[in-house]
Amino acid sequence: MANLDAFEIRDRGSAFVANVYPASTPDAARRAQIHLKHVAHTTRPASHEIAAWRCMVLQRGKTGLGGPDDFELVAGSDDDGEKYAGGRVLKVMQAEGVIDAVVVVSRWFGGEMLGPARFDHVETCAREVCRTFRLKDDMATAVSTLKSLDDVLASLRKQLAPLQTRPEKADGTSTLAPKKAADPYSALETSLDIAKAKRLITARENSIRSVKLALKKARASALDSDAAAQSTQPQTEA
């Protein structure tokens, strides 16, 4: 089970490490906790495995066909001996709008009491992984949108190409879709550059509008050519 990201803080010998896992149900959240405690940390057990989860689940007796009202948000937390800490992680998740995930903040006690600072570290770690979770989720949505727009653009260009004597756009560049890389957006997903993703989406939308206009003009021109050709054909007597 792979976590989506991790964030660490060290203070006076103590270490705080947050991990976030996707979890669509409380059972999935629990499995992630068990994996972290008994697999990932088996050779170096943490003093506390503080967790919180928020999952959008189907209500009992519902099918999901009724829309959002068929679902309910189920949330919970686990202090694991660090009183109130789980609730703090849950509040961070609520503030960051993270759903269908479990955040686990592991603490290794270094021998010196940290007082209230320990809660600040728990919250900071949780906040960082929550923001990364949201960023990756936003990027996944953006990449999905880009791929859909690419398919639309390729289809429009395919329709346009036979209608042109030269497969060119109005700006003189080829309307034929370039060969796609195996995964053209892998670098974008790695960088998590949402601003760039949004610019690419805008560019694709502009290209689609441009090709649609060119396709409309090409079809009108083809109809005019057909009409002109028919008008020049010699009339035969009945």
C-alpha atoms as a PDB file:
ATOM      1  CA  MET A   1       0.000   0.000   0.000  1.00  0.00           C
ATOM      2  CA  ALA A   2       1.623   3.232  -1.160  1.00  0.00           C
ATOM      3  CA  ASN A   3       1.035   6.522   0.580  1.00  0.00           C
ATOM      4  CA  LEU A   4       0.386   9.609  -1.540  1.00  0.00           C
ATOM      5  CA  ASP A   5       2.939  11.718   0.282  1.00  0.00           C
ATOM      6  CA  ALA A   6       4.719  12.240   3.591  1.00  0.00           C
ATOM      7  CA  PHE A   7       5.918  15.196   5.667  1.00  0.00           C
ATOM      8  CA  GLU A   8       8.292  15.194   8.653  1.00  0.00           C
ATOM      9  CA  ILE A   9       9.136  17.502  11.553  1.00  0.00           C
ATOM     10  CA  ARG A  10      11.897  16.900  14.140  1.00  0.00           C
ATOM     11  CA  ASP A  11      12.035  18.655  17.494  1.00  0.00           C
ATOM     12  CA  ARG A  12      14.322  17.883  20.472  1.00  0.00           C
ATOM     13  CA  GLY A  13      14.769  14.276  19.531  1.00  0.00           C
ATOM     14  CA  SER A  14      11.134  13.627  18.700  1.00  0.00           C
ATOM     15  CA  ALA A  15      10.032  12.979  15.127  1.00  0.00           C
ATOM     16  CA  PHE A  16       6.590  13.559  13.635  1.00  0.00           C
ATOM     17  CA  VAL A  17       5.815  12.060  10.230  1.00  0.00           C
ATOM     18  CA  ALA A  18       2.470  12.398   8.467  1.00  0.00           C
ATOM     19  CA  ASN A  19       1.274  10.074   5.727  1.00  0.00           C
ATOM     20  CA  VAL A  20      -1.917  10.292   3.690  1.00  0.00           C
ATOM     21  CA  TYR A  21      -3.605   7.318   2.041  1.00  0.00           C
ATOM     22  CA  PRO A  22      -6.670   7.219  -0.193  1.00  0.00           C
ATOM     23  CA  ALA A  23      -9.578   5.638   1.689  1.00  0.00           C
ATOM     24  CA  SER A  24     -13.134   5.535   0.356  1.00  0.00           C
ATOM     25  CA  THR A  25     -14.475   3.750   3.465  1.00  0.00           C
ATOM     26  CA  PRO A  26     -13.618   3.676   7.177  1.00  0.00           C
ATOM     27  CA  ASP A  27     -12.549   0.037   6.716  1.00  0.00           C
ATOM     28  CA  ALA A  28     -10.054   1.133   4.073  1.00  0.00           C
ATOM     29  CA  ALA A  29      -8.801   3.803   6.464  1.00  0.00           C
ATOM     30  CA  ARG A  30      -8.302   1.202   9.152  1.00  0.00           C
ATOM     31  CA  ARG A  31      -6.402  -1.058   6.777  1.00  0.00           C
ATOM     32  CA  ALA A  32      -4.067   1.813   5.962  1.00  0.00           C
ATOM     33  CA  GLN A  33      -3.430   2.385   9.678  1.00  0.00           C
ATOM     34  CA  ILE A  34      -2.691  -1.295  10.205  1.00  0.00           C
ATOM     35  CA  HIS A  35      -0.343  -1.373   7.229  1.00  0.00           C
ATOM     36  CA  LEU A  36       1.574   1.640   8.467  1.00  0.00           C
ATOM     37  CA  LYS A  37       1.891   0.327  12.027  1.00  0.00           C
ATOM     38  CA  HIS A  38       2.518  -3.351  11.383  1.00  0.00           C
ATOM     39  CA  VAL A  39       4.282  -3.298   8.006  1.00  0.00           C
ATOM     40  CA  ALA A  40       5.906   0.057   7.295  1.00  0.00           C
ATOM     41  CA  HIS A  41       6.916   0.718  10.922  1.00  0.00           C
ATOM     42  CA  THR A  42       7.387  -2.847  12.096  1.00  0.00           C
ATOM     43  CA  THR A  43      11.152  -2.458  12.556  1.00  0.00           C
ATOM     44  CA  ARG A  44      10.828   0.964  14.188  1.00  0.00           C
ATOM     45  CA  PRO A  45       7.490   1.220  16.014  1.00  0.00           C
ATOM     46  CA  ALA A  46       6.175   4.720  16.615  1.00  0.00           C
ATOM     47  CA  SER A  47       5.188   5.893  20.081  1.00  0.00           C
ATOM     48  CA  HIS A  48       1.814   6.994  18.673  1.00  0.00           C
ATOM     49  CA  GLU A  49       0.011   6.471  15.350  1.00  0.00           C
ATOM     50  CA  ILE A  50      -2.487   9.356  15.377  1.00  0.00           C
ATOM     51  CA  ALA A  51      -5.114   9.100  12.644  1.00  0.00           C
ATOM     52  CA  ALA A  52      -8.219  10.722  11.208  1.00  0.00           C
ATOM     53  CA  TRP A  53     -10.354   9.902   8.205  1.00  0.00           C
ATOM     54  CA  ARG A  54     -13.195  11.373   6.161  1.00  0.00           C
ATOM     55  CA  CYS A  55     -15.041   9.132   3.688  1.00  0.00           C
ATOM     56  CA  MET A  56     -18.047   9.759   1.458  1.00  0.00           C
ATOM     57  CA  VAL A  57     -19.986   6.490   1.620  1.00  0.00           C
ATOM     58  CA  LEU A  58     -23.231   5.161   0.203  1.00  0.00           C
ATOM     59  CA  GLN A  59     -26.068   5.264   2.723  1.00  0.00           C
ATOM     60  CA  ARG A  60     -27.652   1.991   3.781  1.00  0.00           C
ATOM     61  CA  GLY A  61     -30.457   1.032   1.399  1.00  0.00           C
ATOM     62  CA  LYS A  62     -29.351   3.517  -1.272  1.00  0.00           C
ATOM     63  CA  THR A  63     -28.098   2.690  -4.771  1.00  0.00           C
ATOM     64  CA  GLY A  64     -26.259   5.882  -5.647  1.00  0.00           C
ATOM     65  CA  LEU A  65     -28.643   6.531  -8.533  1.00  0.00           C
ATOM     66  CA  GLY A  66     -30.432   9.141  -6.460  1.00  0.00           C
ATOM     67  CA  GLY A  67     -27.502  11.526  -6.648  1.00  0.00           C
ATOM     68  CA  PRO A  68     -25.557  13.192  -3.817  1.00  0.00           C
ATOM     69  CA  ASP A  69     -28.383  12.611  -1.317  1.00  0.00           C
ATOM     70  CA  ASP A  70     -27.640   8.869  -1.457  1.00  0.00           C
ATOM     71  CA  PHE A  71     -24.264   9.469   0.177  1.00  0.00           C
ATOM     72  CA  GLU A  72     -23.131  10.580   3.610  1.00  0.00           C
ATOM     73  CA  LEU A  73     -19.839  11.775   5.045  1.00  0.00           C
ATOM     74  CA  VAL A  74     -18.399   9.441   7.666  1.00  0.00           C
ATOM     75  CA  ALA A  75     -15.518  10.801   9.734  1.00  0.00           C
ATOM     76  CA  GLY A  76     -13.550   9.617  12.716  1.00  0.00           C
ATOM     77  CA  SER A  77     -10.239   9.789  14.518  1.00  0.00           C
ATOM     78  CA  ASP A  78      -7.887   7.758  16.681  1.00  0.00           C
ATOM     79  CA  ASP A  79      -5.672   9.377  19.347  1.00  0.00           C
ATOM     80  CA  ASP A  80      -3.633   6.201  19.910  1.00  0.00           C
ATOM     81  CA  GLY A  81      -2.749   7.382  23.403  1.00  0.00           C
ATOM     82  CA  GLU A  82      -2.058  11.027  22.482  1.00  0.00           C
ATOM     83  CA  LYS A  83      -5.228  12.583  23.919  1.00  0.00           C
ATOM     84  CA  TYR A  84      -7.049  15.035  21.613  1.00  0.00           C
ATOM     85  CA  ALA A  85      -4.462  14.636  18.836  1.00  0.00           C
ATOM     86  CA  GLY A  86      -6.744  12.648  16.522  1.00  0.00           C
ATOM     87  CA  GLY A  87      -9.398  15.347  16.724  1.00  0.00           C
ATOM     88  CA  ARG A  88      -6.835  17.941  15.720  1.00  0.00           C
ATOM     89  CA  VAL A  89      -5.881  15.946  12.638  1.00  0.00           C
ATOM     90  CA  LEU A  90      -9.570  15.628  11.754  1.00  0.00           C
ATOM     91  CA  LYS A  91     -10.064  19.397  12.068  1.00  0.00           C
ATOM     92  CA  VAL A  92      -7.153  19.946   9.684  1.00  0.00           C
ATOM     93  CA  MET A  93      -8.745  17.570   7.168  1.00  0.00           C
ATOM     94  CA  GLN A  94     -12.033  19.441   7.473  1.00  0.00           C
ATOM     95  CA  ALA A  95     -10.338  22.809   7.003  1.00  0.00           C
ATOM     96  CA  GLU A  96      -8.464  21.572   3.917  1.00  0.00           C
ATOM     97  CA  GLY A  97     -11.560  19.918   2.447  1.00  0.00           C
ATOM     98  CA  VAL A  98      -9.978  16.476   2.184  1.00  0.00           C
ATOM     99  CA  ILE A  99     -12.395  13.592   1.612  1.00  0.00           C
ATOM    100  CA  ASP A 100     -11.885   9.887   0.890  1.00  0.00           C
ATOM    101  CA  ALA A 101      -8.568   9.799   2.676  1.00  0.00           C
ATOM    102  CA  VAL A 102      -6.959   8.881   5.971  1.00  0.00           C
ATOM    103  CA  VAL A 103      -4.143  10.923   7.496  1.00  0.00           C
ATOM    104  CA  VAL A 104      -1.833   9.218   9.982  1.00  0.00           C
ATOM    105  CA  VAL A 105       0.682  11.262  11.974  1.00  0.00           C
ATOM    106  CA  SER A 106       3.299   8.997  13.548  1.00  0.00           C
ATOM    107  CA  ARG A 107       5.288  10.262  16.518  1.00  0.00           C
ATOM    108  CA  TRP A 108       8.534   8.868  17.851  1.00  0.00           C
ATOM    109  CA  PHE A 109       9.175  10.245  21.341  1.00  0.00           C
ATOM    110  CA  GLY A 110      12.726  11.507  21.770  1.00  0.00           C
ATOM    111  CA  GLY A 111      12.855  11.565  25.578  1.00  0.00           C
ATOM    112  CA  GLU A 112      12.055  15.245  26.161  1.00  0.00           C
ATOM    113  CA  MET A 113       8.526  16.491  26.835  1.00  0.00           C
ATOM    114  CA  LEU A 114       7.428  19.001  24.177  1.00  0.00           C
ATOM    115  CA  GLY A 115       4.256  20.298  25.800  1.00  0.00           C
ATOM    116  CA  PRO A 116       1.700  22.037  23.534  1.00  0.00           C
ATOM    117  CA  ALA A 117       4.278  22.204  20.741  1.00  0.00           C
ATOM    118  CA  ARG A 118       3.596  18.572  19.974  1.00  0.00           C
ATOM    119  CA  PHE A 119       0.074  19.435  18.851  1.00  0.00           C
ATOM    120  CA  ASP A 120       1.415  22.200  16.602  1.00  0.00           C
ATOM    121  CA  HIS A 121       3.718  19.665  14.955  1.00  0.00           C
ATOM    122  CA  VAL A 122       0.892  17.153  14.514  1.00  0.00           C
ATOM    123  CA  GLU A 123      -1.296  19.782  12.871  1.00  0.00           C
ATOM    124  CA  THR A 124       1.479  21.136  10.657  1.00  0.00           C
ATOM    125  CA  CYS A 125       2.387  17.669   9.375  1.00  0.00           C
ATOM    126  CA  ALA A 126      -1.258  16.844   8.735  1.00  0.00           C
ATOM    127  CA  ARG A 127      -1.853  20.142   6.932  1.00  0.00           C
ATOM    128  CA  GLU A 128       1.100  19.646   4.593  1.00  0.00           C
ATOM    129  CA  VAL A 129       0.034  16.179   3.445  1.00  0.00           C
ATOM    130  CA  CYS A 130      -3.590  17.313   3.115  1.00  0.00           C
ATOM    131  CA  ARG A 131      -2.546  20.121   0.805  1.00  0.00           C
ATOM    132  CA  THR A 132      -0.448  17.745  -1.267  1.00  0.00           C
ATOM    133  CA  PHE A 133      -3.402  15.357  -1.427  1.00  0.00           C
ATOM    134  CA  ARG A 134      -5.676  18.118  -2.715  1.00  0.00           C
ATOM    135  CA  LEU A 135      -3.048  19.301  -5.186  1.00  0.00           C
ATOM    136  CA  LYS A 136      -2.634  15.817  -6.639  1.00  0.00           C
ATOM    137  CA  ASP A 137      -6.384  15.395  -6.820  1.00  0.00           C
ATOM    138  CA  ASP A 138      -6.707  18.713  -8.670  1.00  0.00           C
ATOM    139  CA  MET A 139      -3.915  17.687 -11.040  1.00  0.00           C
ATOM    140  CA  ALA A 140      -5.576  14.339 -11.758  1.00  0.00           C
ATOM    141  CA  THR A 141      -8.771  16.191 -12.691  1.00  0.00           C
ATOM    142  CA  ALA A 142      -6.841  18.627 -14.900  1.00  0.00           C
ATOM    143  CA  VAL A 143      -4.992  15.836 -16.720  1.00  0.00           C
ATOM    144  CA  SER A 144      -8.257  13.972 -17.285  1.00  0.00           C
ATOM    145  CA  THR A 145      -9.722  17.160 -18.777  1.00  0.00           C
ATOM    146  CA  LEU A 146      -6.682  17.646 -21.002  1.00  0.00           C
ATOM    147  CA  LYS A 147      -6.884  14.094 -22.333  1.00  0.00           C
ATOM    148  CA  SER A 148     -10.582  14.543 -23.140  1.00  0.00           C
ATOM    149  CA  LEU A 149      -9.870  17.833 -24.927  1.00  0.00           C
ATOM    150  CA  ASP A 150      -7.024  16.178 -26.866  1.00  0.00           C
ATOM    151  CA  ASP A 151      -9.450  13.512 -28.097  1.00  0.00           C
ATOM    152  CA  VAL A 152     -11.960  16.142 -29.198  1.00  0.00           C
ATOM    153  CA  LEU A 153      -9.258  18.154 -30.966  1.00  0.00           C
ATOM    154  CA  ALA A 154      -7.877  15.091 -32.758  1.00  0.00           C
ATOM    155  CA  SER A 155     -11.366  14.150 -33.952  1.00  0.00           C
ATOM    156  CA  LEU A 156     -12.053  17.649 -35.285  1.00  0.00           C
ATOM    157  CA  ARG A 157      -8.716  17.778 -37.079  1.00  0.00           C
ATOM    158  CA  LYS A 158      -9.412  14.398 -38.646  1.00  0.00           C
ATOM    159  CA  GLN A 159     -12.718  15.741 -39.988  1.00  0.00           C
ATOM    160  CA  LEU A 160     -11.057  18.892 -41.279  1.00  0.00           C
ATOM    161  CA  ALA A 161      -8.094  17.346 -43.066  1.00  0.00           C
ATOM    162  CA  PRO A 162      -9.987  15.859 -46.088  1.00  0.00           C
ATOM    163  CA  LEU A 163     -11.766  19.159 -46.694  1.00  0.00           C
ATOM    164  CA  GLN A 164      -8.543  21.075 -47.211  1.00  0.00           C
ATOM    165  CA  THR A 165      -6.246  21.004 -50.191  1.00  0.00           C
ATOM    166  CA  ARG A 166      -3.453  21.452 -47.676  1.00  0.00           C
ATOM    167  CA  PRO A 167      -4.021  20.245 -44.109  1.00  0.00           C
ATOM    168  CA  GLU A 168      -3.346  23.585 -42.485  1.00  0.00           C
ATOM    169  CA  LYS A 169      -5.015  25.786 -39.949  1.00  0.00           C
ATOM    170  CA  ALA A 170      -5.708  29.445 -40.451  1.00  0.00           C
ATOM    171  CA  ASP A 171      -2.306  30.277 -38.957  1.00  0.00           C
ATOM    172  CA  GLY A 172      -0.552  28.008 -41.456  1.00  0.00           C
ATOM    173  CA  THR A 173       0.343  25.193 -39.095  1.00  0.00           C
ATOM    174  CA  SER A 174      -0.662  21.608 -39.676  1.00  0.00           C
ATOM    175  CA  THR A 175      -4.100  20.522 -38.469  1.00  0.00           C
ATOM    176  CA  LEU A 176      -2.998  16.911 -38.346  1.00  0.00           C
ATOM    177  CA  ALA A 177      -2.649  15.743 -34.764  1.00  0.00           C
ATOM    178  CA  PRO A 178       0.973  15.214 -33.733  1.00  0.00           C
ATOM    179  CA  LYS A 179       2.018  11.806 -32.568  1.00  0.00           C
ATOM    180  CA  LYS A 180       1.262  11.424 -28.904  1.00  0.00           C
ATOM    181  CA  ALA A 181       3.903  10.463 -26.402  1.00  0.00           C
ATOM    182  CA  ALA A 182       3.267   7.350 -24.340  1.00  0.00           C
ATOM    183  CA  ASP A 183       2.265   9.607 -21.435  1.00  0.00           C
ATOM    184  CA  PRO A 184       2.418  13.266 -22.487  1.00  0.00           C
ATOM    185  CA  TYR A 185       1.416  14.548 -19.059  1.00  0.00           C
ATOM    186  CA  SER A 186       3.672  12.522 -16.776  1.00  0.00           C
ATOM    187  CA  ALA A 187       6.052  15.453 -16.246  1.00  0.00           C
ATOM    188  CA  LEU A 188       3.121  17.731 -15.469  1.00  0.00           C
ATOM    189  CA  GLU A 189       1.775  15.279 -12.894  1.00  0.00           C
ATOM    190  CA  THR A 190       5.208  15.071 -11.292  1.00  0.00           C
ATOM    191  CA  SER A 191       5.636  18.848 -11.123  1.00  0.00           C
ATOM    192  CA  LEU A 192       2.098  19.438  -9.777  1.00  0.00           C
ATOM    193  CA  ASP A 193       2.136  22.748 -11.661  1.00  0.00           C
ATOM    194  CA  ILE A 194      -1.597  23.465 -11.584  1.00  0.00           C
ATOM    195  CA  ALA A 195      -1.133  26.912 -13.138  1.00  0.00           C
ATOM    196  CA  LYS A 196       0.523  25.329 -16.175  1.00  0.00           C
ATOM    197  CA  ALA A 197      -2.214  22.703 -16.398  1.00  0.00           C
ATOM    198  CA  LYS A 198      -4.841  25.442 -16.462  1.00  0.00           C
ATOM    199  CA  ARG A 199      -2.951  27.273 -19.206  1.00  0.00           C
ATOM    200  CA  LEU A 200      -2.828  24.079 -21.259  1.00  0.00           C
ATOM    201  CA  ILE A 201      -6.569  23.552 -20.802  1.00  0.00           C
ATOM    202  CA  THR A 202      -7.229  27.102 -22.013  1.00  0.00           C
ATOM    203  CA  ALA A 203      -4.944  26.540 -25.011  1.00  0.00           C
ATOM    204  CA  ARG A 204      -6.753  23.304 -25.928  1.00  0.00           C
ATOM    205  CA  GLU A 205     -10.135  25.007 -25.654  1.00  0.00           C
ATOM    206  CA  ASN A 206      -8.931  27.839 -27.900  1.00  0.00           C
ATOM    207  CA  SER A 207      -7.583  25.325 -30.433  1.00  0.00           C
ATOM    208  CA  ILE A 208     -10.911  23.488 -30.462  1.00  0.00           C
ATOM    209  CA  ARG A 209     -12.771  26.735 -31.153  1.00  0.00           C
ATOM    210  CA  SER A 210     -10.309  27.573 -33.940  1.00  0.00           C
ATOM    211  CA  VAL A 211     -10.602  24.166 -35.610  1.00  0.00           C
ATOM    212  CA  LYS A 212     -14.393  24.189 -35.292  1.00  0.00           C
ATOM    213  CA  LEU A 213     -14.450  27.544 -37.101  1.00  0.00           C
ATOM    214  CA  ALA A 214     -12.090  26.251 -39.790  1.00  0.00           C
ATOM    215  CA  LEU A 215     -14.243  23.132 -40.186  1.00  0.00           C
ATOM    216  CA  LYS A 216     -17.379  25.243 -40.574  1.00  0.00           C
ATOM    217  CA  LYS A 217     -15.713  27.379 -43.245  1.00  0.00           C
ATOM    218  CA  ALA A 218     -14.294  24.341 -45.047  1.00  0.00           C
ATOM    219  CA  ARG A 219     -17.691  22.658 -45.159  1.00  0.00           C
ATOM    220  CA  ALA A 220     -19.324  25.834 -46.475  1.00  0.00           C
ATOM    221  CA  SER A 221     -16.611  26.145 -49.109  1.00  0.00           C
ATOM    222  CA  ALA A 222     -17.092  22.511 -50.136  1.00  0.00           C
ATOM    223  CA  LEU A 223     -20.846  23.076 -50.543  1.00  0.00           C
ATOM    224  CA  ASP A 224     -20.187  26.173 -52.654  1.00  0.00           C
ATOM    225  CA  SER A 225     -17.762  24.213 -54.833  1.00  0.00           C
ATOM    226  CA  ASP A 226     -20.280  21.407 -55.325  1.00  0.00           C
ATOM    227  CA  ALA A 227     -22.989  23.892 -56.244  1.00  0.00           C
ATOM    228  CA  ALA A 228     -20.699  25.638 -58.711  1.00  0.00           C
ATOM    229  CA  ALA A 229     -19.711  22.338 -60.293  1.00  0.00           C
ATOM    230  CA  GLN A 230     -23.338  21.326 -60.746  1.00  0.00           C
ATOM    231  CA  SER A 231     -24.250  24.673 -62.326  1.00  0.00           C
ATOM    232  CA  THR A 232     -21.539  24.261 -65.001  1.00  0.00           C
ATOM    233  CA  GLN A 233     -22.643  20.783 -66.042  1.00  0.00           C
ATOM    234  CA  PRO A 234     -24.287  20.737 -69.495  1.00  0.00           C
ATOM    235  CA  GLN A 235     -28.070  20.370 -69.498  1.00  0.00           C
ATOM    236  CA  THR A 236     -29.403  17.352 -71.364  1.00  0.00           C
ATOM    237  CA  GLU A 237     -32.742  17.185 -73.133  1.00  0.00           C
ATOM    238  CA  ALA A 238     -35.429  15.015 -71.648  1.00  0.00           C
END
